[in-house]
Amino acid sequence: MKLGTDESGNLLNEVSNRLNDNTRRIRVLEERLRNVDRRVNKAEQSEILDKNQAVKEVRDVQDTLRLMQDRVANLEVDIQAAHRDIKKSVAHTELKEIQNYIDLINPILTKFVTKKEVDEMLRKKSP
């Protein structure tokens, strides 16, 4: 009988050792699973933060683009107004021509001949 008790004790020890080994393995696997779960959560949070940052940057770029479009539109209006003003203004050559006409008829700068001077010129010419 002693032999049977030793066998059952060995069997019981073997079962106990296997149970302890399996329990340890389960704990190791559970810890690994928790670590993987933490890494996945961190990756998801990082992805969410990156996505939010990208969305913010896209909005900023869109806002900047809208401002630039407004500025370009304003510049186009200003350029058209300046173009109209330039068309309305007198050209340099036309201005020079007007100045020549004014100089021609300006009594201050033009030398007029008096009646007395004309009479003298006629006397000098007549023989």
Protein backbone atom coordinates (compact mmCIF):
# COMPACT_ATOMS: atom_id res chain seq x y z
CA MET A 1 0.00 0.00 0.00
CA LYS A 2 2.82 2.23 0.61
CA LEU A 3 3.67 2.07 -3.06
CA GLY A 4 0.19 3.22 -4.03
CA THR A 5 0.34 6.15 -1.63
CA ASP A 6 3.71 7.24 -3.03
CA GLU A 7 2.35 7.07 -6.53
CA SER A 8 -0.72 9.07 -5.65
CA GLY A 9 1.52 11.57 -3.79
CA ASN A 10 3.78 11.85 -6.81
CA LEU A 11 0.75 12.18 -9.04
CA LEU A 12 -0.68 14.82 -6.73
CA ASN A 13 2.66 16.68 -6.71
CA GLU A 14 2.83 16.47 -10.49
CA VAL A 15 -0.70 17.82 -10.85
CA SER A 16 0.07 20.56 -8.32
CA ASN A 17 3.31 21.49 -10.15
CA ARG A 18 1.51 21.58 -13.48
CA LEU A 19 -1.28 23.68 -11.98
CA ASN A 20 1.25 26.11 -10.51
CA ASP A 21 3.16 26.24 -13.82
CA ASN A 22 -0.04 26.89 -15.78
CA THR A 23 -1.09 29.57 -13.27
CA ARG A 24 2.29 31.27 -13.68
CA ARG A 25 2.00 31.08 -17.45
CA ILE A 26 -1.50 32.57 -17.32
CA ARG A 27 -0.21 35.45 -15.15
CA VAL A 28 2.65 36.09 -17.59
CA LEU A 29 0.22 36.05 -20.52
CA GLU A 30 -2.17 38.36 -18.67
CA GLU A 31 0.69 40.81 -18.01
CA ARG A 32 1.74 40.69 -21.65
CA LEU A 33 -1.88 41.30 -22.68
CA ARG A 34 -2.07 44.33 -20.34
CA ASN A 35 1.18 45.67 -21.84
CA VAL A 36 -0.12 45.20 -25.37
CA ASP A 37 -3.41 46.84 -24.38
CA ARG A 38 -1.52 49.85 -22.92
CA ARG A 39 0.54 50.21 -26.10
CA VAL A 40 -2.57 50.00 -28.27
CA ASN A 41 -4.29 52.64 -26.12
CA LYS A 42 -1.25 54.92 -26.34
CA ALA A 43 -1.10 54.44 -30.11
CA GLU A 44 -4.80 55.24 -30.43
CA GLN A 45 -4.42 58.37 -28.28
CA SER A 46 -1.41 59.45 -30.29
CA GLU A 47 -3.32 58.87 -33.52
CA ILE A 48 -6.26 60.93 -32.22
CA LEU A 49 -3.91 63.77 -31.20
CA ASP A 50 -2.15 63.64 -34.58
CA LYS A 51 -5.49 63.67 -36.39
CA ASN A 52 -6.73 66.63 -34.34
CA GLN A 53 -3.48 68.50 -35.02
CA ALA A 54 -3.73 67.76 -38.74
CA VAL A 55 -7.35 68.96 -38.80
CA LYS A 56 -6.30 72.17 -37.02
CA GLU A 57 -3.46 72.73 -39.48
CA VAL A 58 -5.77 72.15 -42.45
CA ARG A 59 -8.23 74.71 -41.01
CA ASP A 60 -5.39 77.18 -40.50
CA VAL A 61 -4.24 76.68 -44.09
CA GLN A 62 -7.81 77.12 -45.33
CA ASP A 63 -8.18 80.33 -43.31
CA THR A 64 -4.89 81.64 -44.65
CA LEU A 65 -5.94 80.72 -48.18
CA ARG A 66 -9.25 82.58 -47.75
CA LEU A 67 -7.38 85.66 -46.50
CA MET A 68 -5.00 85.48 -49.45
CA GLN A 69 -7.93 85.14 -51.87
CA ASP A 70 -9.54 88.20 -50.31
CA ARG A 71 -6.30 90.15 -50.61
CA VAL A 72 -5.88 89.13 -54.24
CA ALA A 73 -9.47 90.16 -54.98
CA ASN A 74 -8.87 93.53 -53.30
CA LEU A 75 -5.65 93.98 -55.25
CA GLU A 76 -7.47 93.21 -58.49
CA VAL A 77 -10.08 95.85 -57.67
CA ASP A 78 -7.35 98.37 -56.80
CA ILE A 79 -5.45 97.58 -60.00
CA GLN A 80 -8.60 98.03 -62.08
CA ALA A 81 -9.30 101.36 -60.39
CA ALA A 82 -5.72 102.50 -60.96
CA HIS A 83 -5.97 101.39 -64.60
CA ARG A 84 -9.16 103.43 -65.04
CA ASP A 85 -7.47 106.44 -63.45
CA ILE A 86 -4.46 106.06 -65.73
CA LYS A 87 -6.73 105.91 -68.77
CA LYS A 88 -8.45 109.10 -67.61
CA SER A 89 -5.19 110.94 -67.01
CA VAL A 90 -3.38 112.94 -69.65
CA ALA A 91 -0.47 111.29 -71.39
CA HIS A 92 2.96 112.90 -71.07
CA THR A 93 3.07 113.86 -74.73
CA GLU A 94 -0.37 115.42 -74.54
CA LEU A 95 0.70 117.37 -71.48
CA LYS A 96 3.80 118.64 -73.32
CA GLU A 97 1.65 119.67 -76.26
CA ILE A 98 -0.74 121.59 -74.01
CA GLN A 99 2.22 123.29 -72.34
CA ASN A 100 3.55 124.39 -75.76
CA TYR A 101 0.15 125.90 -76.68
CA ILE A 102 0.02 127.77 -73.37
CA ASP A 103 3.55 129.05 -73.89
CA LEU A 104 2.60 130.20 -77.38
CA ILE A 105 -0.37 132.28 -76.31
CA ASN A 106 0.99 133.46 -72.96
CA PRO A 107 1.27 137.27 -73.20
CA ILE A 108 3.90 137.46 -70.48
CA LEU A 109 6.38 135.23 -72.27
CA THR A 110 5.44 136.17 -75.82
CA LYS A 111 6.92 139.33 -77.32
CA PHE A 112 4.33 141.59 -78.91
CA VAL A 113 5.17 144.39 -81.24
CA THR A 114 3.77 147.81 -80.49
CA LYS A 115 2.34 150.16 -83.16
CA LYS A 116 5.27 152.43 -82.76
CA GLU A 117 7.71 149.57 -83.38
CA VAL A 118 5.79 148.52 -86.49
CA ASP A 119 5.87 152.06 -87.85
CA GLU A 120 9.61 152.21 -87.30
CA MET A 121 10.16 148.89 -89.02
CA LEU A 122 8.12 150.10 -92.01
CA ARG A 123 10.09 153.31 -92.24
CA LYS A 124 13.34 151.44 -92.20
CA LYS A 125 12.17 149.15 -94.96
CA SER A 126 10.81 151.88 -97.21
CA PRO A 127 13.34 153.48 -99.51
